[in-house]
Amino acid sequence: MSESVAYLLAAMGCLVAVAGVAVAVVAVSRSRSRSRATAAKGPGDPLRDRDSDALRGDPRRLKPGDIVEIRGVSYAVRGTIRLVEGGWSWAEHLLDDTGGVRRWLSVEEDPELELVLWAAEPGATVTPGAPTIDFDGRRYNWDETGQARYTSTGTTGLDPSGTMRYHDYQAPGGARLSFEAYGEAGWEVARGEKLLRAEVMIYPQAEVG
């Protein structure tokens, strides 16, 4: 074999090896891309996929007539307000227990499911707008402000549809203070407490028909 032929064969061998490495790199890269795409999909709906949540019911489907149990206390859902602000939506449900105690339960995904139990403060004299508000021994910090459109079903004391303005505040530890004004009405003040998912049980009303 001449030296030129031997050199040519050696060069061809190197090219084949390099091509093999390139194919391997592309294969690994595609495999990683598939892994990232799979991971990006994330977990399924926890209220559908986890047995414990499925058994406790889906708060996002609450409606007038349903029963919701919160920390061992049963409430009837008297009315529901559904609100939309841009691409964001949430619901507020008017509850009362057998003793006539009324509460509001807000349900939203931002992006995690968040449940907050609210109690009205009709005697409050504070007004919204300041960066911080001191109320009943707590200091609340401004969180967000906005205006939404709403639709109302059941018993809420509101028109079937309209607009609502709000100012929301939070205190260290997660306590909430909210100011809401529906239509031309004045501000209504409420204090809220974030609930754990395990503290809420839903008993849906049977569908008719």
N, C-alpha and C. Protein backbone atom coordinates (compact mmCIF):
# COMPACT_ATOMS: atom_id res chain seq x y z
N MET A 1 0.85 -1.20 0.00
CA MET A 1 0.00 0.00 0.00
C MET A 1 0.88 1.24 0.00
N SER A 2 0.56 2.17 -0.92
CA SER A 2 1.38 3.37 -0.99
C SER A 2 1.09 4.28 0.19
N GLU A 3 2.00 5.21 0.49
CA GLU A 3 1.81 6.14 1.61
C GLU A 3 0.60 7.04 1.37
N SER A 4 0.34 7.44 0.10
CA SER A 4 -0.79 8.33 -0.18
C SER A 4 -2.11 7.63 0.07
N VAL A 5 -2.18 6.31 -0.30
CA VAL A 5 -3.41 5.56 -0.06
C VAL A 5 -3.64 5.38 1.43
N ALA A 6 -2.56 5.05 2.15
CA ALA A 6 -2.69 4.87 3.61
C ALA A 6 -3.14 6.16 4.27
N TYR A 7 -2.63 7.29 3.84
CA TYR A 7 -3.02 8.59 4.43
C TYR A 7 -4.50 8.88 4.17
N LEU A 8 -4.93 8.55 2.91
CA LEU A 8 -6.33 8.79 2.55
C LEU A 8 -7.27 7.95 3.40
N LEU A 9 -6.92 6.66 3.61
CA LEU A 9 -7.76 5.79 4.44
C LEU A 9 -7.82 6.29 5.88
N ALA A 10 -6.71 6.76 6.40
CA ALA A 10 -6.67 7.27 7.78
C ALA A 10 -7.55 8.51 7.91
N ALA A 11 -7.50 9.38 6.90
CA ALA A 11 -8.32 10.60 6.94
C ALA A 11 -9.80 10.27 6.90
N MET A 12 -10.16 9.27 6.04
CA MET A 12 -11.56 8.88 5.97
C MET A 12 -12.02 8.29 7.29
N GLY A 13 -11.16 7.57 7.97
CA GLY A 13 -11.52 7.01 9.28
C GLY A 13 -11.79 8.11 10.29
N CYS A 14 -10.99 9.15 10.26
CA CYS A 14 -11.20 10.28 11.19
C CYS A 14 -12.54 10.95 10.90
N LEU A 15 -12.90 11.13 9.62
CA LEU A 15 -14.16 11.78 9.28
C LEU A 15 -15.34 10.96 9.77
N VAL A 16 -15.26 9.65 9.62
CA VAL A 16 -16.34 8.78 10.10
C VAL A 16 -16.49 8.90 11.61
N ALA A 17 -15.35 8.95 12.33
CA ALA A 17 -15.40 9.07 13.80
C ALA A 17 -16.02 10.38 14.22
N VAL A 18 -15.63 11.47 13.52
CA VAL A 18 -16.19 12.78 13.85
C VAL A 18 -17.69 12.81 13.58
N ALA A 19 -18.10 12.21 12.46
CA ALA A 19 -19.53 12.17 12.14
C ALA A 19 -20.30 11.40 13.19
N GLY A 20 -19.70 10.32 13.68
CA GLY A 20 -20.35 9.52 14.73
C GLY A 20 -20.53 10.31 15.99
N VAL A 21 -19.52 11.09 16.35
CA VAL A 21 -19.61 11.93 17.56
C VAL A 21 -20.71 12.97 17.37
N ALA A 22 -20.77 13.59 16.17
CA ALA A 22 -21.78 14.61 15.90
C ALA A 22 -23.17 14.04 16.02
N VAL A 23 -23.39 12.83 15.47
CA VAL A 23 -24.69 12.18 15.57
C VAL A 23 -25.05 11.92 17.01
N ALA A 24 -24.07 11.48 17.81
CA ALA A 24 -24.32 11.21 19.23
C ALA A 24 -24.71 12.47 19.97
N VAL A 25 -24.00 13.59 19.65
CA VAL A 25 -24.30 14.85 20.30
C VAL A 25 -25.71 15.31 19.96
N VAL A 26 -26.09 15.20 18.67
CA VAL A 26 -27.43 15.59 18.26
C VAL A 26 -28.47 14.73 18.96
N ALA A 27 -28.19 13.42 19.07
CA ALA A 27 -29.15 12.52 19.73
C ALA A 27 -29.34 12.90 21.19
N VAL A 28 -28.20 13.21 21.89
CA VAL A 28 -28.30 13.61 23.30
C VAL A 28 -29.06 14.92 23.42
N SER A 29 -28.75 15.88 22.48
CA SER A 29 -29.42 17.18 22.53
C SER A 29 -30.92 17.02 22.35
N ARG A 30 -31.34 16.17 21.40
CA ARG A 30 -32.76 15.96 21.18
C ARG A 30 -33.40 15.29 22.38
N SER A 31 -32.64 14.36 22.98
CA SER A 31 -33.18 13.68 24.15
C SER A 31 -33.40 14.66 25.29
N ARG A 32 -32.47 15.60 25.50
CA ARG A 32 -32.61 16.60 26.55
C ARG A 32 -33.77 17.54 26.25
N SER A 33 -33.92 17.88 24.93
CA SER A 33 -35.02 18.74 24.56
C SER A 33 -36.35 18.09 24.87
N ARG A 34 -36.45 16.78 24.59
CA ARG A 34 -37.68 16.08 24.90
C ARG A 34 -37.93 16.06 26.40
N SER A 35 -36.84 15.90 27.18
CA SER A 35 -36.98 15.87 28.64
C SER A 35 -37.48 17.22 29.14
N ARG A 36 -36.91 18.32 28.59
CA ARG A 36 -37.35 19.65 29.01
C ARG A 36 -38.80 19.88 28.63
N ALA A 37 -39.18 19.42 27.41
CA ALA A 37 -40.56 19.62 26.98
C ALA A 37 -41.51 18.85 27.87
N THR A 38 -41.11 17.64 28.28
CA THR A 38 -41.96 16.85 29.17
C THR A 38 -42.08 17.51 30.52
N ALA A 39 -40.93 18.01 31.03
CA ALA A 39 -40.95 18.66 32.35
C ALA A 39 -41.76 19.94 32.32
N ALA A 40 -41.73 20.64 31.15
CA ALA A 40 -42.44 21.92 31.07
C ALA A 40 -43.94 21.75 31.19
N LYS A 41 -44.44 20.55 30.83
CA LYS A 41 -45.88 20.33 30.93
C LYS A 41 -46.37 20.39 32.36
N GLY A 42 -45.48 20.03 33.30
CA GLY A 42 -45.83 20.12 34.72
C GLY A 42 -46.86 19.08 35.12
N PRO A 43 -47.22 19.05 36.40
CA PRO A 43 -48.19 18.08 36.90
C PRO A 43 -49.59 18.40 36.42
N GLY A 44 -50.47 17.41 36.50
CA GLY A 44 -51.86 17.62 36.12
C GLY A 44 -52.60 18.42 37.17
N ASP A 45 -53.87 18.60 36.95
CA ASP A 45 -54.73 19.34 37.87
C ASP A 45 -54.77 18.61 39.21
N PRO A 46 -54.28 19.20 40.30
CA PRO A 46 -54.24 18.48 41.58
C PRO A 46 -55.62 18.13 42.11
N LEU A 47 -56.63 18.92 41.77
CA LEU A 47 -57.97 18.63 42.26
C LEU A 47 -58.62 17.48 41.48
N ARG A 48 -57.98 17.09 40.38
CA ARG A 48 -58.49 15.95 39.62
C ARG A 48 -57.61 14.73 39.84
N ASP A 49 -56.29 14.96 39.99
CA ASP A 49 -55.35 13.85 39.98
C ASP A 49 -55.02 13.29 41.35
N ARG A 50 -55.25 14.06 42.40
CA ARG A 50 -54.92 13.55 43.73
C ARG A 50 -56.19 13.11 44.43
N ASP A 51 -56.19 11.87 44.92
CA ASP A 51 -57.39 11.32 45.53
C ASP A 51 -57.89 12.15 46.70
N SER A 52 -56.95 12.63 47.55
CA SER A 52 -57.37 13.39 48.73
C SER A 52 -58.11 14.65 48.33
N ASP A 53 -57.64 15.35 47.28
CA ASP A 53 -58.31 16.56 46.84
C ASP A 53 -59.62 16.25 46.14
N ALA A 54 -59.63 15.17 45.35
CA ALA A 54 -60.85 14.81 44.65
C ALA A 54 -61.96 14.49 45.64
N LEU A 55 -61.62 13.84 46.75
CA LEU A 55 -62.62 13.49 47.75
C LEU A 55 -63.12 14.72 48.50
N ARG A 56 -62.29 15.75 48.60
CA ARG A 56 -62.69 16.95 49.34
C ARG A 56 -63.52 17.88 48.47
N GLY A 57 -63.62 17.60 47.19
CA GLY A 57 -64.41 18.44 46.30
C GLY A 57 -63.59 19.58 45.71
N ASP A 58 -64.13 20.20 44.69
CA ASP A 58 -63.42 21.25 43.96
C ASP A 58 -64.02 22.62 44.30
N PRO A 59 -63.31 23.46 45.06
CA PRO A 59 -63.84 24.78 45.43
C PRO A 59 -64.10 25.66 44.22
N ARG A 60 -63.44 25.40 43.11
CA ARG A 60 -63.64 26.22 41.92
C ARG A 60 -65.02 26.02 41.32
N ARG A 61 -65.71 24.95 41.72
CA ARG A 61 -67.03 24.64 41.17
C ARG A 61 -68.16 25.01 42.15
N LEU A 62 -67.82 25.68 43.24
CA LEU A 62 -68.85 26.06 44.21
C LEU A 62 -69.94 26.92 43.55
N LYS A 63 -71.17 26.73 44.02
CA LYS A 63 -72.30 27.49 43.49
C LYS A 63 -73.38 27.58 44.56
N PRO A 64 -74.32 28.48 44.40
CA PRO A 64 -75.42 28.59 45.37
C PRO A 64 -76.14 27.25 45.56
N GLY A 65 -76.40 26.92 46.81
CA GLY A 65 -77.05 25.66 47.13
C GLY A 65 -76.10 24.61 47.64
N ASP A 66 -74.81 24.75 47.33
CA ASP A 66 -73.81 23.79 47.83
C ASP A 66 -73.57 24.01 49.32
N ILE A 67 -73.00 23.00 49.95
CA ILE A 67 -72.58 23.11 51.34
C ILE A 67 -71.05 23.03 51.37
N VAL A 68 -70.43 23.91 52.14
CA VAL A 68 -68.99 23.87 52.31
C VAL A 68 -68.67 23.81 53.80
N GLU A 69 -67.81 22.90 54.16
CA GLU A 69 -67.40 22.76 55.55
C GLU A 69 -65.99 23.33 55.70
N ILE A 70 -65.85 24.29 56.62
CA ILE A 70 -64.56 24.96 56.83
C ILE A 70 -64.19 24.83 58.30
N ARG A 71 -63.09 24.12 58.53
CA ARG A 71 -62.61 23.90 59.90
C ARG A 71 -63.71 23.32 60.80
N GLY A 72 -64.48 22.39 60.23
CA GLY A 72 -65.50 21.70 61.00
C GLY A 72 -66.84 22.40 61.09
N VAL A 73 -66.96 23.61 60.54
CA VAL A 73 -68.22 24.35 60.55
C VAL A 73 -68.84 24.28 59.17
N SER A 74 -70.12 23.90 59.10
CA SER A 74 -70.81 23.79 57.82
C SER A 74 -71.51 25.09 57.46
N TYR A 75 -71.34 25.52 56.23
CA TYR A 75 -71.98 26.74 55.71
C TYR A 75 -72.75 26.40 54.44
N ALA A 76 -73.85 27.07 54.23
CA ALA A 76 -74.57 26.99 52.96
C ALA A 76 -74.10 28.13 52.07
N VAL A 77 -73.93 27.83 50.80
CA VAL A 77 -73.57 28.87 49.83
C VAL A 77 -74.85 29.57 49.39
N ARG A 78 -75.03 30.83 49.81
CA ARG A 78 -76.25 31.57 49.49
C ARG A 78 -76.16 32.28 48.15
N GLY A 79 -74.97 32.73 47.81
CA GLY A 79 -74.81 33.47 46.55
C GLY A 79 -73.37 33.43 46.10
N THR A 80 -73.16 33.69 44.82
CA THR A 80 -71.83 33.65 44.24
C THR A 80 -71.61 34.87 43.35
N ILE A 81 -70.46 35.49 43.49
CA ILE A 81 -70.05 36.61 42.63
C ILE A 81 -68.83 36.15 41.85
N ARG A 82 -68.91 36.22 40.54
CA ARG A 82 -67.77 35.88 39.70
C ARG A 82 -67.23 37.16 39.07
N LEU A 83 -65.91 37.35 39.21
CA LEU A 83 -65.29 38.61 38.80
C LEU A 83 -64.24 38.36 37.74
N VAL A 84 -64.12 39.31 36.83
CA VAL A 84 -63.14 39.23 35.75
C VAL A 84 -62.44 40.58 35.63
N GLU A 85 -61.12 40.53 35.61
CA GLU A 85 -60.30 41.73 35.40
C GLU A 85 -59.22 41.38 34.39
N GLY A 86 -59.40 41.83 33.14
CA GLY A 86 -58.47 41.44 32.09
C GLY A 86 -58.52 39.93 31.88
N GLY A 87 -57.37 39.28 31.96
CA GLY A 87 -57.32 37.82 31.82
C GLY A 87 -57.40 37.09 33.13
N TRP A 88 -57.69 37.78 34.20
CA TRP A 88 -57.69 37.19 35.54
C TRP A 88 -59.13 37.09 36.03
N SER A 89 -59.48 35.96 36.63
CA SER A 89 -60.83 35.79 37.16
C SER A 89 -60.78 35.10 38.52
N TRP A 90 -61.79 35.37 39.33
CA TRP A 90 -61.89 34.72 40.63
C TRP A 90 -63.35 34.76 41.07
N ALA A 91 -63.65 34.09 42.19
CA ALA A 91 -65.03 34.03 42.67
C ALA A 91 -65.07 34.33 44.16
N GLU A 92 -66.20 34.91 44.60
CA GLU A 92 -66.45 35.14 46.02
C GLU A 92 -67.83 34.57 46.33
N HIS A 93 -67.89 33.76 47.38
CA HIS A 93 -69.13 33.06 47.73
C HIS A 93 -69.63 33.53 49.10
N LEU A 94 -70.90 33.91 49.16
CA LEU A 94 -71.53 34.31 50.42
C LEU A 94 -71.99 33.04 51.16
N LEU A 95 -71.50 32.87 52.38
CA LEU A 95 -71.82 31.69 53.19
C LEU A 95 -72.56 32.11 54.45
N ASP A 96 -73.40 31.21 54.95
CA ASP A 96 -73.89 31.40 56.32
C ASP A 96 -74.09 30.04 56.97
N ASP A 97 -73.96 30.03 58.32
CA ASP A 97 -74.10 28.78 59.06
C ASP A 97 -75.49 28.73 59.70
N THR A 98 -75.74 27.69 60.49
CA THR A 98 -77.06 27.51 61.09
C THR A 98 -77.38 28.60 62.11
N GLY A 99 -76.35 29.27 62.62
CA GLY A 99 -76.58 30.35 63.58
C GLY A 99 -76.73 31.70 62.93
N GLY A 100 -76.70 31.74 61.59
CA GLY A 100 -76.86 33.01 60.87
C GLY A 100 -75.58 33.80 60.72
N VAL A 101 -74.43 33.21 61.10
CA VAL A 101 -73.15 33.90 60.93
C VAL A 101 -72.76 33.89 59.46
N ARG A 102 -72.44 35.06 58.90
CA ARG A 102 -72.11 35.17 57.49
C ARG A 102 -70.62 35.37 57.28
N ARG A 103 -70.11 34.72 56.26
CA ARG A 103 -68.72 34.84 55.84
C ARG A 103 -68.69 34.88 54.31
N TRP A 104 -67.57 35.32 53.80
CA TRP A 104 -67.31 35.25 52.37
C TRP A 104 -66.11 34.34 52.16
N LEU A 105 -66.17 33.49 51.15
CA LEU A 105 -65.04 32.64 50.76
C LEU A 105 -64.60 33.04 49.36
N SER A 106 -63.35 33.49 49.22
CA SER A 106 -62.83 33.81 47.90
C SER A 106 -62.01 32.64 47.39
N VAL A 107 -62.14 32.38 46.10
CA VAL A 107 -61.47 31.25 45.45
C VAL A 107 -60.80 31.78 44.18
N GLU A 108 -59.49 31.61 44.10
CA GLU A 108 -58.79 32.05 42.90
C GLU A 108 -57.55 31.19 42.67
N GLU A 109 -57.06 31.21 41.44
CA GLU A 109 -55.83 30.52 41.06
C GLU A 109 -54.86 31.56 40.53
N ASP A 110 -53.69 31.68 41.19
CA ASP A 110 -52.78 32.76 40.83
C ASP A 110 -51.31 32.38 41.02
N PRO A 111 -50.73 31.33 40.41
CA PRO A 111 -51.43 30.29 39.67
C PRO A 111 -51.93 29.16 40.59
N GLU A 112 -51.41 29.11 41.84
CA GLU A 112 -51.87 28.08 42.77
C GLU A 112 -53.26 28.43 43.31
N LEU A 113 -54.01 27.40 43.67
CA LEU A 113 -55.33 27.62 44.26
C LEU A 113 -55.19 28.32 45.61
N GLU A 114 -55.92 29.42 45.78
CA GLU A 114 -55.88 30.17 47.04
C GLU A 114 -57.30 30.35 47.57
N LEU A 115 -57.51 29.95 48.82
CA LEU A 115 -58.80 30.06 49.48
C LEU A 115 -58.64 31.00 50.67
N VAL A 116 -59.50 32.01 50.76
CA VAL A 116 -59.44 32.97 51.86
C VAL A 116 -60.85 33.12 52.45
N LEU A 117 -60.95 32.99 53.76
CA LEU A 117 -62.22 33.17 54.46
C LEU A 117 -62.27 34.59 55.01
N TRP A 118 -63.34 35.32 54.68
CA TRP A 118 -63.45 36.73 55.02
C TRP A 118 -64.57 36.97 56.02
N ALA A 119 -64.36 37.93 56.91
CA ALA A 119 -65.39 38.39 57.85
C ALA A 119 -65.54 39.89 57.68
N ALA A 120 -66.77 40.36 57.50
CA ALA A 120 -67.03 41.79 57.30
C ALA A 120 -66.72 42.56 58.57
N GLU A 121 -66.26 43.79 58.39
CA GLU A 121 -65.98 44.72 59.51
C GLU A 121 -66.83 45.97 59.30
N PRO A 122 -68.13 45.89 59.56
CA PRO A 122 -69.03 47.02 59.26
C PRO A 122 -68.73 48.27 60.08
N GLY A 123 -68.10 48.14 61.24
CA GLY A 123 -67.81 49.32 62.06
C GLY A 123 -66.47 49.96 61.78
N ALA A 124 -65.72 49.43 60.80
CA ALA A 124 -64.38 49.96 60.51
C ALA A 124 -64.48 51.38 59.94
N THR A 125 -63.56 52.23 60.39
CA THR A 125 -63.54 53.62 59.90
C THR A 125 -62.34 53.88 59.00
N VAL A 126 -61.49 52.89 58.78
CA VAL A 126 -60.31 53.08 57.92
C VAL A 126 -60.74 53.15 56.46
N THR A 127 -59.94 53.81 55.66
CA THR A 127 -60.19 53.93 54.22
C THR A 127 -58.94 53.51 53.46
N PRO A 128 -59.11 53.06 52.21
CA PRO A 128 -57.95 52.58 51.45
C PRO A 128 -57.17 53.70 50.80
N GLY A 129 -55.99 53.32 50.30
CA GLY A 129 -55.17 54.26 49.53
C GLY A 129 -53.77 54.44 50.06
N ALA A 130 -53.58 54.37 51.37
CA ALA A 130 -52.26 54.56 51.96
C ALA A 130 -51.40 53.31 51.74
N PRO A 131 -50.07 53.46 51.74
CA PRO A 131 -49.19 52.29 51.57
C PRO A 131 -49.33 51.28 52.71
N THR A 132 -49.61 51.75 53.92
CA THR A 132 -49.84 50.86 55.06
C THR A 132 -51.07 51.35 55.83
N ILE A 133 -51.75 50.39 56.46
CA ILE A 133 -52.93 50.70 57.26
C ILE A 133 -52.83 49.95 58.58
N ASP A 134 -53.01 50.64 59.68
CA ASP A 134 -53.06 50.02 61.00
C ASP A 134 -54.52 49.77 61.37
N PHE A 135 -54.83 48.50 61.67
CA PHE A 135 -56.20 48.16 62.00
C PHE A 135 -56.23 47.03 63.02
N ASP A 136 -56.90 47.28 64.14
CA ASP A 136 -57.09 46.28 65.18
C ASP A 136 -55.78 45.62 65.60
N GLY A 137 -54.76 46.45 65.81
CA GLY A 137 -53.49 45.94 66.33
C GLY A 137 -52.55 45.35 65.30
N ARG A 138 -52.91 45.39 64.04
CA ARG A 138 -52.03 44.88 62.98
C ARG A 138 -51.70 45.99 61.98
N ARG A 139 -50.54 45.87 61.38
CA ARG A 139 -50.17 46.78 60.30
C ARG A 139 -50.24 46.01 58.98
N TYR A 140 -51.07 46.52 58.08
CA TYR A 140 -51.26 45.88 56.77
C TYR A 140 -50.55 46.70 55.70
N ASN A 141 -49.90 46.00 54.77
CA ASN A 141 -49.18 46.65 53.68
C ASN A 141 -49.97 46.50 52.38
N TRP A 142 -49.95 47.56 51.56
CA TRP A 142 -50.66 47.53 50.29
C TRP A 142 -50.19 46.37 49.44
N ASP A 143 -51.15 45.67 48.80
CA ASP A 143 -50.82 44.52 47.95
C ASP A 143 -51.21 44.79 46.50
N GLU A 144 -52.48 45.11 46.26
CA GLU A 144 -52.90 45.38 44.88
C GLU A 144 -54.20 46.18 44.87
N THR A 145 -54.43 46.83 43.73
CA THR A 145 -55.62 47.66 43.53
C THR A 145 -56.12 47.43 42.12
N GLY A 146 -57.44 47.48 41.93
CA GLY A 146 -57.95 47.31 40.58
C GLY A 146 -59.45 47.49 40.49
N GLN A 147 -59.97 47.20 39.32
CA GLN A 147 -61.41 47.26 39.06
C GLN A 147 -61.79 46.08 38.20
N ALA A 148 -62.87 45.41 38.55
CA ALA A 148 -63.30 44.22 37.82
C ALA A 148 -64.78 44.33 37.48
N ARG A 149 -65.18 43.52 36.51
CA ARG A 149 -66.60 43.36 36.21
C ARG A 149 -67.08 42.10 36.93
N TYR A 150 -68.34 42.11 37.34
CA TYR A 150 -68.85 40.95 38.07
C TYR A 150 -70.21 40.52 37.54
N THR A 151 -70.52 39.25 37.78
CA THR A 151 -71.88 38.72 37.62
C THR A 151 -72.25 38.04 38.93
N SER A 152 -73.50 38.16 39.30
CA SER A 152 -73.96 37.65 40.59
C SER A 152 -75.09 36.65 40.40
N THR A 153 -75.02 35.53 41.15
CA THR A 153 -76.10 34.55 41.13
C THR A 153 -76.47 34.20 42.57
N GLY A 154 -77.70 33.77 42.77
CA GLY A 154 -78.15 33.45 44.12
C GLY A 154 -78.44 34.73 44.90
N THR A 155 -78.31 34.66 46.21
CA THR A 155 -78.59 35.80 47.09
C THR A 155 -77.29 36.48 47.49
N THR A 156 -77.04 37.66 46.94
CA THR A 156 -75.84 38.42 47.28
C THR A 156 -76.16 39.86 47.68
N GLY A 157 -77.38 40.33 47.37
CA GLY A 157 -77.72 41.72 47.62
C GLY A 157 -77.21 42.66 46.55
N LEU A 158 -76.69 42.13 45.44
CA LEU A 158 -76.14 42.95 44.37
C LEU A 158 -77.00 42.83 43.11
N ASP A 159 -76.79 43.77 42.20
CA ASP A 159 -77.39 43.65 40.88
C ASP A 159 -76.82 42.41 40.18
N PRO A 160 -77.51 41.91 39.15
CA PRO A 160 -77.00 40.72 38.45
C PRO A 160 -75.63 40.91 37.82
N SER A 161 -75.27 42.14 37.48
CA SER A 161 -73.95 42.41 36.92
C SER A 161 -73.57 43.86 37.19
N GLY A 162 -72.29 44.16 37.07
CA GLY A 162 -71.83 45.52 37.32
C GLY A 162 -70.32 45.56 37.45
N THR A 163 -69.82 46.60 38.11
CA THR A 163 -68.38 46.76 38.31
C THR A 163 -68.07 46.83 39.80
N MET A 164 -66.84 46.48 40.11
CA MET A 164 -66.38 46.48 41.50
C MET A 164 -64.94 47.02 41.55
N ARG A 165 -64.70 47.93 42.50
CA ARG A 165 -63.34 48.42 42.76
C ARG A 165 -62.82 47.78 44.04
N TYR A 166 -61.51 47.60 44.12
CA TYR A 166 -60.96 46.98 45.32
C TYR A 166 -59.55 47.50 45.63
N HIS A 167 -59.21 47.45 46.91
CA HIS A 167 -57.85 47.66 47.41
C HIS A 167 -57.57 46.52 48.38
N ASP A 168 -56.49 45.79 48.16
CA ASP A 168 -56.14 44.66 49.02
C ASP A 168 -54.83 44.93 49.75
N TYR A 169 -54.82 44.55 51.04
CA TYR A 169 -53.65 44.71 51.90
C TYR A 169 -53.35 43.37 52.57
N GLN A 170 -52.06 43.17 52.95
CA GLN A 170 -51.65 41.98 53.67
C GLN A 170 -50.77 42.37 54.85
N ALA A 171 -50.86 41.56 55.91
CA ALA A 171 -50.02 41.74 57.08
C ALA A 171 -49.02 40.59 57.15
N PRO A 172 -47.90 40.77 57.85
CA PRO A 172 -46.98 39.65 58.05
C PRO A 172 -47.72 38.45 58.62
N GLY A 173 -47.44 37.27 58.07
CA GLY A 173 -48.15 36.08 58.51
C GLY A 173 -49.31 35.71 57.62
N GLY A 174 -49.67 36.60 56.67
CA GLY A 174 -50.69 36.26 55.68
C GLY A 174 -52.07 36.81 55.95
N ALA A 175 -52.31 37.53 57.06
CA ALA A 175 -53.63 38.11 57.30
C ALA A 175 -53.95 39.12 56.20
N ARG A 176 -55.22 39.23 55.85
CA ARG A 176 -55.63 40.10 54.75
C ARG A 176 -56.60 41.18 55.24
N LEU A 177 -56.57 42.31 54.55
CA LEU A 177 -57.54 43.37 54.77
C LEU A 177 -57.98 43.84 53.39
N SER A 178 -59.29 43.84 53.16
CA SER A 178 -59.78 44.17 51.82
C SER A 178 -60.82 45.27 51.87
N PHE A 179 -60.78 46.13 50.86
CA PHE A 179 -61.78 47.18 50.66
C PHE A 179 -62.42 46.94 49.29
N GLU A 180 -63.75 46.82 49.27
CA GLU A 180 -64.46 46.61 48.02
C GLU A 180 -65.62 47.59 47.92
N ALA A 181 -65.86 48.06 46.70
CA ALA A 181 -66.99 48.96 46.45
C ALA A 181 -67.67 48.52 45.16
N TYR A 182 -68.94 48.11 45.29
CA TYR A 182 -69.70 47.64 44.14
C TYR A 182 -70.56 48.77 43.59
N GLY A 183 -70.43 48.99 42.29
CA GLY A 183 -71.19 50.07 41.65
C GLY A 183 -70.84 51.41 42.27
N GLU A 184 -71.88 52.16 42.67
CA GLU A 184 -71.68 53.48 43.26
C GLU A 184 -71.67 53.43 44.79
N ALA A 185 -71.71 52.23 45.37
CA ALA A 185 -71.73 52.10 46.84
C ALA A 185 -70.37 52.46 47.44
N GLY A 186 -70.39 52.72 48.73
CA GLY A 186 -69.14 53.04 49.42
C GLY A 186 -68.31 51.81 49.72
N TRP A 187 -67.17 52.04 50.36
CA TRP A 187 -66.25 50.94 50.65
C TRP A 187 -66.80 50.02 51.73
N GLU A 188 -66.64 48.72 51.49
CA GLU A 188 -66.93 47.70 52.50
C GLU A 188 -65.60 47.08 52.92
N VAL A 189 -65.41 46.94 54.23
CA VAL A 189 -64.13 46.46 54.76
C VAL A 189 -64.30 45.04 55.28
N ALA A 190 -63.31 44.19 55.01
CA ALA A 190 -63.34 42.81 55.50
C ALA A 190 -61.93 42.36 55.83
N ARG A 191 -61.84 41.51 56.84
CA ARG A 191 -60.57 40.87 57.18
C ARG A 191 -60.59 39.43 56.71
N GLY A 192 -59.45 38.97 56.18
CA GLY A 192 -59.40 37.63 55.63
C GLY A 192 -58.28 36.79 56.23
N GLU A 193 -58.50 35.48 56.19
CA GLU A 193 -57.53 34.52 56.68
C GLU A 193 -57.38 33.42 55.64
N LYS A 194 -56.15 33.19 55.19
CA LYS A 194 -55.90 32.16 54.18
C LYS A 194 -56.13 30.77 54.78
N LEU A 195 -56.79 29.92 54.00
CA LEU A 195 -57.12 28.57 54.45
C LEU A 195 -56.20 27.55 53.79
N LEU A 196 -55.94 26.48 54.52
CA LEU A 196 -55.27 25.33 53.94
C LEU A 196 -56.28 24.51 53.16
N ARG A 197 -55.83 23.89 52.11
CA ARG A 197 -56.74 23.08 51.29
C ARG A 197 -57.43 22.00 52.13
N ALA A 198 -56.71 21.42 53.08
CA ALA A 198 -57.26 20.34 53.90
C ALA A 198 -58.34 20.82 54.87
N GLU A 199 -58.48 22.14 55.03
CA GLU A 199 -59.47 22.68 55.96
C GLU A 199 -60.84 22.88 55.32
N VAL A 200 -60.94 22.57 54.03
CA VAL A 200 -62.17 22.85 53.28
C VAL A 200 -62.70 21.56 52.66
N MET A 201 -63.99 21.30 52.88
CA MET A 201 -64.67 20.14 52.30
C MET A 201 -65.91 20.64 51.56
N ILE A 202 -66.11 20.17 50.33
CA ILE A 202 -67.22 20.61 49.51
C ILE A 202 -68.26 19.50 49.39
N TYR A 203 -69.54 19.88 49.58
CA TYR A 203 -70.66 18.95 49.37
C TYR A 203 -71.56 19.56 48.29
N PRO A 204 -71.35 19.21 47.04
CA PRO A 204 -72.12 19.85 45.96
C PRO A 204 -73.61 19.48 46.03
N GLN A 205 -74.43 20.42 45.61
CA GLN A 205 -75.85 20.16 45.48
C GLN A 205 -76.07 19.27 44.26
N ALA A 206 -76.94 18.30 44.37
CA ALA A 206 -77.22 17.41 43.25
C ALA A 206 -77.79 18.20 42.09
N GLU A 207 -77.29 17.93 40.89
CA GLU A 207 -77.81 18.60 39.70
C GLU A 207 -79.23 18.11 39.41
N VAL A 208 -80.11 19.01 39.02
CA VAL A 208 -81.49 18.66 38.69
C VAL A 208 -81.62 18.52 37.19
N GLY A 209 -82.27 17.45 36.75
CA GLY A 209 -82.52 17.26 35.33
C GLY A 209 -81.42 16.51 34.63
